[in-house]
Amino acid sequence: MPVILKTARLVLRPMDERDLLRLHALNNDPFVANAIYDRKASPWADTHARLKACLADWDMYGFGLFAVFTRDGNSGEGSFLGQRGLHLLSDNDDLELSACFSQAASGKEYAAEAGCAVLDFAFRALKAPRVLCFVRPENQRSLRSVGKMGFRQIEDRWFGGRLRRCFEVRQRDLNGAIAANPSFAPILHLV
């Protein structure tokens, strides 16, 4: 049975082959291209390679990228908002939390809400001692979002070819963030 995460407003499920067109449209949203990809459109081959890597992560580790949807009236999948997920860092055993949300999702705190659900999964199901997150210093939206999830900056670090702010969150930090924002609390994990 696949991992399904739910919050009051969201449903998260592992990305799969059905998401290729959604992921490509998301990666080519001008809002996303500006924030993440240095204003460059994402070629089809890059999108396909990202999805293949995501599927391999799920097969190998039991975690990876989640497709994030609003909940419809029956608590199922509604509108696609973006992706939120976990990656194993290649230089150590830390997990990294990543995100990519469309402009339509901006300003509604979906990224933080989905992030809290994924972090809860990382701590409870995967028994991760901590999770890291890397943010470009100029990305003010992401800097606000990581604070809402309990992340604390620990250093600046080279990641993905550029200097980024490195943040860390532990279970107690997440618990405090959820206590401060109860609407971010995950309500269901199906594994």
Protein backbone atom coordinates (compact mmCIF):
# COMPACT_ATOMS: atom_id res chain seq x y z
CA MET A 1 0.00 0.00 0.00
CA PRO A 2 1.48 3.42 -0.91
CA VAL A 3 2.14 6.13 1.64
CA ILE A 4 -0.74 8.65 1.74
CA LEU A 5 -0.45 11.76 3.91
CA LYS A 6 -3.39 14.02 4.69
CA THR A 7 -3.86 17.34 6.42
CA ALA A 8 -6.98 19.43 6.88
CA ARG A 9 -6.64 20.83 3.35
CA LEU A 10 -4.22 18.56 1.49
CA VAL A 11 -3.61 15.04 0.21
CA LEU A 12 -0.05 13.91 -0.52
CA ARG A 13 0.78 10.71 -2.36
CA PRO A 14 3.96 9.38 -3.93
CA MET A 15 4.64 10.77 -7.39
CA ASP A 16 4.08 8.21 -10.12
CA GLU A 17 3.98 7.92 -13.91
CA ARG A 18 0.60 9.73 -14.01
CA ASP A 19 2.36 12.87 -12.79
CA LEU A 20 4.78 13.36 -15.69
CA LEU A 21 2.70 16.02 -17.45
CA ARG A 22 1.85 17.75 -14.16
CA LEU A 23 5.50 17.81 -13.14
CA HIS A 24 6.58 19.18 -16.52
CA ALA A 25 3.96 21.95 -16.37
CA LEU A 26 5.04 22.76 -12.80
CA ASN A 27 8.74 22.92 -13.72
CA ASN A 28 7.89 25.27 -16.59
CA ASP A 29 5.59 27.57 -14.61
CA PRO A 30 7.37 30.97 -14.93
CA PHE A 31 6.96 31.45 -11.16
CA VAL A 32 8.80 28.15 -10.51
CA ALA A 33 11.41 28.69 -13.22
CA ASN A 34 12.22 32.08 -11.70
CA ALA A 35 12.44 30.80 -8.12
CA ILE A 36 14.21 27.49 -8.69
CA TYR A 37 15.66 27.12 -12.17
CA ASP A 38 17.33 30.51 -12.76
CA ARG A 39 14.49 31.60 -15.09
CA LYS A 40 15.19 28.72 -17.50
CA ALA A 41 12.51 26.45 -18.88
CA SER A 42 12.89 22.80 -17.97
CA PRO A 43 13.38 20.55 -21.01
CA TRP A 44 11.17 17.50 -21.30
CA ALA A 45 14.17 15.20 -20.85
CA ASP A 46 15.04 16.87 -17.52
CA THR A 47 11.48 16.47 -16.24
CA HIS A 48 11.45 12.83 -17.27
CA ALA A 49 14.83 12.23 -15.58
CA ARG A 50 13.58 13.89 -12.36
CA LEU A 51 10.51 11.66 -12.31
CA LYS A 52 12.59 8.52 -12.96
CA ALA A 53 14.91 9.47 -10.09
CA CYS A 54 11.89 10.05 -7.85
CA LEU A 55 10.42 6.66 -8.69
CA ALA A 56 13.80 5.03 -8.03
CA ASP A 57 13.95 6.72 -4.60
CA TRP A 58 10.54 5.31 -3.68
CA ASP A 59 11.60 1.83 -4.84
CA MET A 60 14.98 1.93 -3.09
CA TYR A 61 14.30 3.86 0.12
CA GLY A 62 10.54 3.91 0.68
CA PHE A 63 10.40 7.71 0.40
CA GLY A 64 10.78 10.38 -2.25
CA LEU A 65 8.65 13.10 -3.80
CA PHE A 66 4.97 13.45 -2.98
CA ALA A 67 2.46 14.99 -5.37
CA VAL A 68 0.47 17.57 -3.37
CA PHE A 69 -3.23 18.12 -4.05
CA THR A 70 -6.03 20.05 -2.41
CA ARG A 71 -8.59 17.74 -0.83
CA ASP A 72 -11.85 17.48 -2.73
CA GLY A 73 -15.20 17.16 -0.96
CA ASN A 74 -14.64 13.43 -0.45
CA SER A 75 -11.14 13.93 0.99
CA GLY A 76 -9.61 12.68 -2.26
CA GLU A 77 -7.35 14.41 -4.77
CA GLY A 78 -8.44 17.84 -5.91
CA SER A 79 -6.26 20.39 -7.70
CA PHE A 80 -2.56 19.67 -8.16
CA LEU A 81 -0.49 22.25 -6.26
CA GLY A 82 3.07 20.99 -6.56
CA GLN A 83 5.48 18.55 -4.97
CA ARG A 84 7.06 18.13 -1.56
CA GLY A 85 9.48 15.38 -0.70
CA LEU A 86 12.49 13.82 0.92
CA HIS A 87 15.87 13.03 -0.60
CA LEU A 88 18.83 11.20 0.89
CA LEU A 89 21.88 13.47 0.69
CA SER A 90 24.77 11.84 -1.13
CA ASP A 91 27.50 13.02 1.25
CA ASN A 92 25.94 11.71 4.49
CA ASP A 93 22.83 9.99 5.87
CA ASP A 94 20.75 13.16 6.29
CA LEU A 95 17.41 13.64 4.65
CA GLU A 96 16.64 16.82 2.74
CA LEU A 97 13.15 18.31 2.49
CA SER A 98 12.43 19.80 -0.93
CA ALA A 99 9.50 21.67 -2.41
CA CYS A 100 8.17 23.06 -5.64
CA PHE A 101 4.72 24.72 -5.74
CA SER A 102 2.91 26.53 -8.52
CA GLN A 103 2.15 30.23 -8.42
CA ALA A 104 -1.53 29.37 -7.84
CA ALA A 105 -0.49 27.79 -4.50
CA SER A 106 1.60 30.77 -3.39
CA GLY A 107 0.56 32.71 -0.30
CA LYS A 108 -1.80 30.05 1.07
CA GLU A 109 0.74 28.28 3.34
CA TYR A 110 0.30 25.01 1.45
CA ALA A 111 4.10 24.50 1.36
CA ALA A 112 4.41 24.68 5.16
CA GLU A 113 1.33 22.52 5.71
CA ALA A 114 2.55 19.85 3.28
CA GLY A 115 6.05 20.14 4.74
CA CYS A 116 4.80 19.43 8.25
CA ALA A 117 3.07 16.27 7.01
CA VAL A 118 6.22 15.07 5.23
CA LEU A 119 8.40 15.90 8.24
CA ASP A 120 6.03 14.04 10.55
CA PHE A 121 6.36 11.03 8.21
CA ALA A 122 10.17 11.37 8.27
CA PHE A 123 10.31 11.41 12.07
CA ARG A 124 7.62 8.84 12.85
CA ALA A 125 7.84 6.32 10.02
CA LEU A 126 11.48 6.70 8.97
CA LYS A 127 12.86 7.50 12.44
CA ALA A 128 15.01 10.32 11.04
CA PRO A 129 16.92 12.16 13.79
CA ARG A 130 16.79 15.42 11.80
CA VAL A 131 15.91 16.77 8.36
CA LEU A 132 17.81 19.46 6.47
CA CYS A 133 16.52 22.05 4.02
CA PHE A 134 18.51 24.29 1.65
CA VAL A 135 17.17 27.68 0.57
CA ARG A 136 18.56 30.37 -1.71
CA PRO A 137 19.17 33.49 0.40
CA GLU A 138 17.04 35.60 -1.95
CA ASN A 139 14.00 33.28 -1.80
CA GLN A 140 11.99 35.14 0.83
CA ARG A 141 8.87 32.94 0.46
CA SER A 142 10.84 29.79 1.22
CA LEU A 143 12.69 31.44 4.10
CA ARG A 144 9.35 32.32 5.73
CA SER A 145 7.97 28.83 5.05
CA VAL A 146 10.87 26.94 6.64
CA GLY A 147 10.47 29.00 9.82
CA LYS A 148 6.81 28.01 10.02
CA MET A 149 7.87 24.34 10.03
CA GLY A 150 10.33 24.78 12.91
CA PHE A 151 13.55 24.84 10.89
CA ARG A 152 16.56 26.69 12.35
CA GLN A 153 19.45 27.93 10.24
CA ILE A 154 22.66 26.10 11.09
CA GLU A 155 25.09 27.32 8.39
CA ASP A 156 25.56 28.39 4.82
CA ARG A 157 26.57 25.49 2.57
CA TRP A 158 27.28 24.83 -1.08
CA PHE A 159 24.38 22.80 -2.46
CA GLY A 160 23.30 22.34 -6.07
CA GLY A 161 26.18 24.44 -7.34
CA ARG A 162 25.53 27.55 -5.27
CA LEU A 163 25.78 28.85 -1.75
CA ARG A 164 22.54 28.31 0.16
CA ARG A 165 21.28 28.67 3.68
CA CYS A 166 21.16 25.29 5.41
CA PHE A 167 18.40 24.69 7.95
CA GLU A 168 17.78 21.83 10.37
CA VAL A 169 14.61 20.59 12.05
CA ARG A 170 14.17 17.89 14.67
CA GLN A 171 11.00 16.25 15.99
CA ARG A 172 10.71 18.67 18.95
CA ASP A 173 11.04 21.67 16.59
CA LEU A 174 8.28 20.30 14.37
CA ASN A 175 6.07 19.66 17.40
CA GLY A 176 6.51 23.29 18.45
CA ALA A 177 5.70 24.54 14.96
CA ILE A 178 2.53 22.44 14.81
CA ALA A 179 1.51 23.63 18.29
CA ALA A 180 1.88 27.22 17.01
CA ASN A 181 0.01 26.40 13.77
CA PRO A 182 -2.48 23.59 14.56
CA SER A 183 -3.90 23.72 11.03
CA PHE A 184 -0.57 22.27 9.79
CA ALA A 185 -1.03 19.07 11.79
CA PRO A 186 -1.10 15.87 9.74
CA ILE A 187 -4.28 13.92 10.29
CA LEU A 188 -3.53 10.64 8.55
CA HIS A 189 -0.69 8.40 7.44
CA LEU A 190 -1.47 5.32 5.42
CA VAL A 191 1.50 3.11 4.75
